[in-house]
Amino acid sequence: VPFDMFFQYGGVPLKFFVASNMFAWMTQPAAKVVPVNEVGPIFAYGFERDGKQVLIFWTDDEKRPLPDAVAGRLGGISFYNMMGGAVKEMASVGVEPVYATGDPEKVKALADALTSK
């Protein structure tokens, strides 16, 4: 693999490399991939493995506030941006994917809230 495929001059990783590494690290080899919401406006997929759940969600256009049904289910869940940085407050979601992980029951409740209309 050519070095310049993943790194810029001076060894700085390309953004794609960091984002794809985060995706691989968060989802691991998932035993089950669950489409949570494929119609939007907030899209989401769940990944399950060994009793652990990760939920990834995003929009395909502008930033949107989280629906009330979702905002009430954020406790006990950790959120990360696509580069792996911790997201301290989740009031809205945009085009950059957000990873949600934590108590499997709470992540599942969040996924259920994202499918409600």
Protein backbone atom coordinates (compact mmCIF):
# COMPACT_ATOMS: atom_id res chain seq x y z
CA VAL A 1 0.00 0.00 0.00
CA PRO A 2 1.52 3.33 -0.99
CA PHE A 3 2.28 5.56 1.97
CA ASP A 4 0.68 8.61 0.32
CA MET A 5 -2.67 6.83 0.13
CA PHE A 6 -3.24 7.39 3.87
CA PHE A 7 -0.87 10.22 4.79
CA GLN A 8 0.02 13.70 3.63
CA TYR A 9 3.56 15.00 3.47
CA GLY A 10 5.05 14.93 6.95
CA GLY A 11 3.03 11.95 8.15
CA VAL A 12 -0.24 13.78 8.78
CA PRO A 13 -3.11 11.32 8.20
CA LEU A 14 -5.66 12.17 5.55
CA LYS A 15 -9.14 12.86 6.95
CA PHE A 16 -10.56 9.85 5.11
CA PHE A 17 -8.10 7.55 6.86
CA VAL A 18 -9.04 8.86 10.30
CA ALA A 19 -12.79 8.66 9.56
CA SER A 20 -12.60 5.13 8.11
CA ASN A 21 -10.43 4.01 11.04
CA MET A 22 -13.05 5.35 13.46
CA PHE A 23 -15.83 3.53 11.57
CA ALA A 24 -13.89 0.25 11.69
CA TRP A 25 -13.04 0.69 15.37
CA MET A 26 -16.61 1.56 16.43
CA THR A 27 -18.40 -1.11 14.40
CA GLN A 28 -15.73 -3.86 14.68
CA PRO A 29 -16.80 -6.98 12.80
CA ALA A 30 -20.51 -6.55 13.48
CA ALA A 31 -22.50 -9.77 13.68
CA LYS A 32 -25.62 -7.90 12.70
CA VAL A 33 -26.20 -4.67 10.77
CA VAL A 34 -29.65 -3.20 11.36
CA PRO A 35 -31.10 -0.51 9.08
CA VAL A 36 -32.85 1.77 11.58
CA ASN A 37 -34.07 4.56 9.32
CA GLU A 38 -33.35 4.58 5.58
CA VAL A 39 -35.92 7.22 4.59
CA GLY A 40 -34.78 10.24 6.64
CA PRO A 41 -34.80 13.01 7.45
CA ILE A 42 -32.42 11.50 10.03
CA PHE A 43 -30.82 8.35 8.64
CA ALA A 44 -29.53 5.66 11.01
CA TYR A 45 -27.93 2.21 11.07
CA GLY A 46 -27.27 -0.01 14.06
CA PHE A 47 -24.42 -2.46 14.54
CA GLU A 48 -24.63 -5.31 17.06
CA ARG A 49 -21.93 -7.66 18.29
CA ASP A 50 -21.44 -9.59 21.53
CA GLY A 51 -24.24 -7.72 23.30
CA LYS A 52 -22.80 -4.31 22.35
CA GLN A 53 -24.60 -1.82 20.15
CA VAL A 54 -23.42 1.14 18.12
CA LEU A 55 -25.83 3.46 16.36
CA ILE A 56 -24.71 5.79 13.57
CA PHE A 57 -26.99 8.61 12.45
CA TRP A 58 -26.85 11.68 10.18
CA THR A 59 -28.89 13.82 7.75
CA ASP A 60 -28.34 14.27 4.04
CA ASP A 61 -28.81 18.02 4.08
CA GLU A 62 -28.77 20.81 6.64
CA LYS A 63 -28.40 20.46 10.38
CA ARG A 64 -31.65 19.46 12.07
CA PRO A 65 -32.71 19.62 15.70
CA LEU A 66 -33.26 16.25 17.30
CA PRO A 67 -36.96 15.35 17.63
CA ASP A 68 -38.36 15.51 21.17
CA ALA A 69 -38.76 11.71 21.22
CA VAL A 70 -35.00 11.41 20.60
CA ALA A 71 -33.83 14.22 22.87
CA GLY A 72 -35.39 12.51 25.87
CA ARG A 73 -33.37 9.32 25.34
CA LEU A 74 -29.78 10.58 25.37
CA GLY A 75 -28.83 9.80 29.00
CA GLY A 76 -26.32 7.00 29.50
CA ILE A 77 -25.12 7.16 25.89
CA SER A 78 -21.74 8.43 24.68
CA PHE A 79 -21.56 10.28 21.37
CA TYR A 80 -18.59 10.64 19.01
CA ASN A 81 -18.11 12.55 15.77
CA MET A 82 -16.84 10.87 12.63
CA MET A 83 -13.21 11.56 13.60
CA GLY A 84 -13.58 10.03 17.06
CA GLY A 85 -13.93 13.22 19.09
CA ALA A 86 -16.40 13.19 21.98
CA VAL A 87 -19.60 15.13 21.36
CA LYS A 88 -20.59 16.81 24.62
CA GLU A 89 -24.06 18.06 23.66
CA MET A 90 -26.47 16.47 21.21
CA ALA A 91 -29.09 19.08 20.32
CA SER A 92 -28.93 18.59 16.56
CA VAL A 93 -27.55 16.33 13.87
CA GLY A 94 -26.06 17.22 10.47
CA VAL A 95 -24.35 15.64 7.49
CA GLU A 96 -21.41 14.34 9.52
CA PRO A 97 -22.25 10.97 11.08
CA VAL A 98 -22.54 10.68 14.85
CA TYR A 99 -21.74 7.43 16.69
CA ALA A 100 -23.83 6.54 19.75
CA THR A 101 -22.66 3.80 22.10
CA GLY A 102 -23.39 2.77 25.66
CA ASP A 103 -25.97 0.71 27.52
CA PRO A 104 -27.48 -1.55 24.80
CA GLU A 105 -31.03 -0.96 26.05
CA LYS A 106 -30.57 2.82 25.90
CA VAL A 107 -29.00 2.69 22.45
CA LYS A 108 -31.91 0.51 21.28
CA ALA A 109 -34.42 3.02 22.75
CA LEU A 110 -32.63 5.80 20.88
CA ALA A 111 -32.82 3.77 17.66
CA ASP A 112 -36.54 3.19 18.24
CA ALA A 113 -37.07 6.92 18.75
CA LEU A 114 -35.32 7.68 15.46
CA THR A 115 -37.83 5.49 13.60
CA SER A 116 -40.92 7.08 15.17
CA LYS A 117 -42.74 9.63 13.07
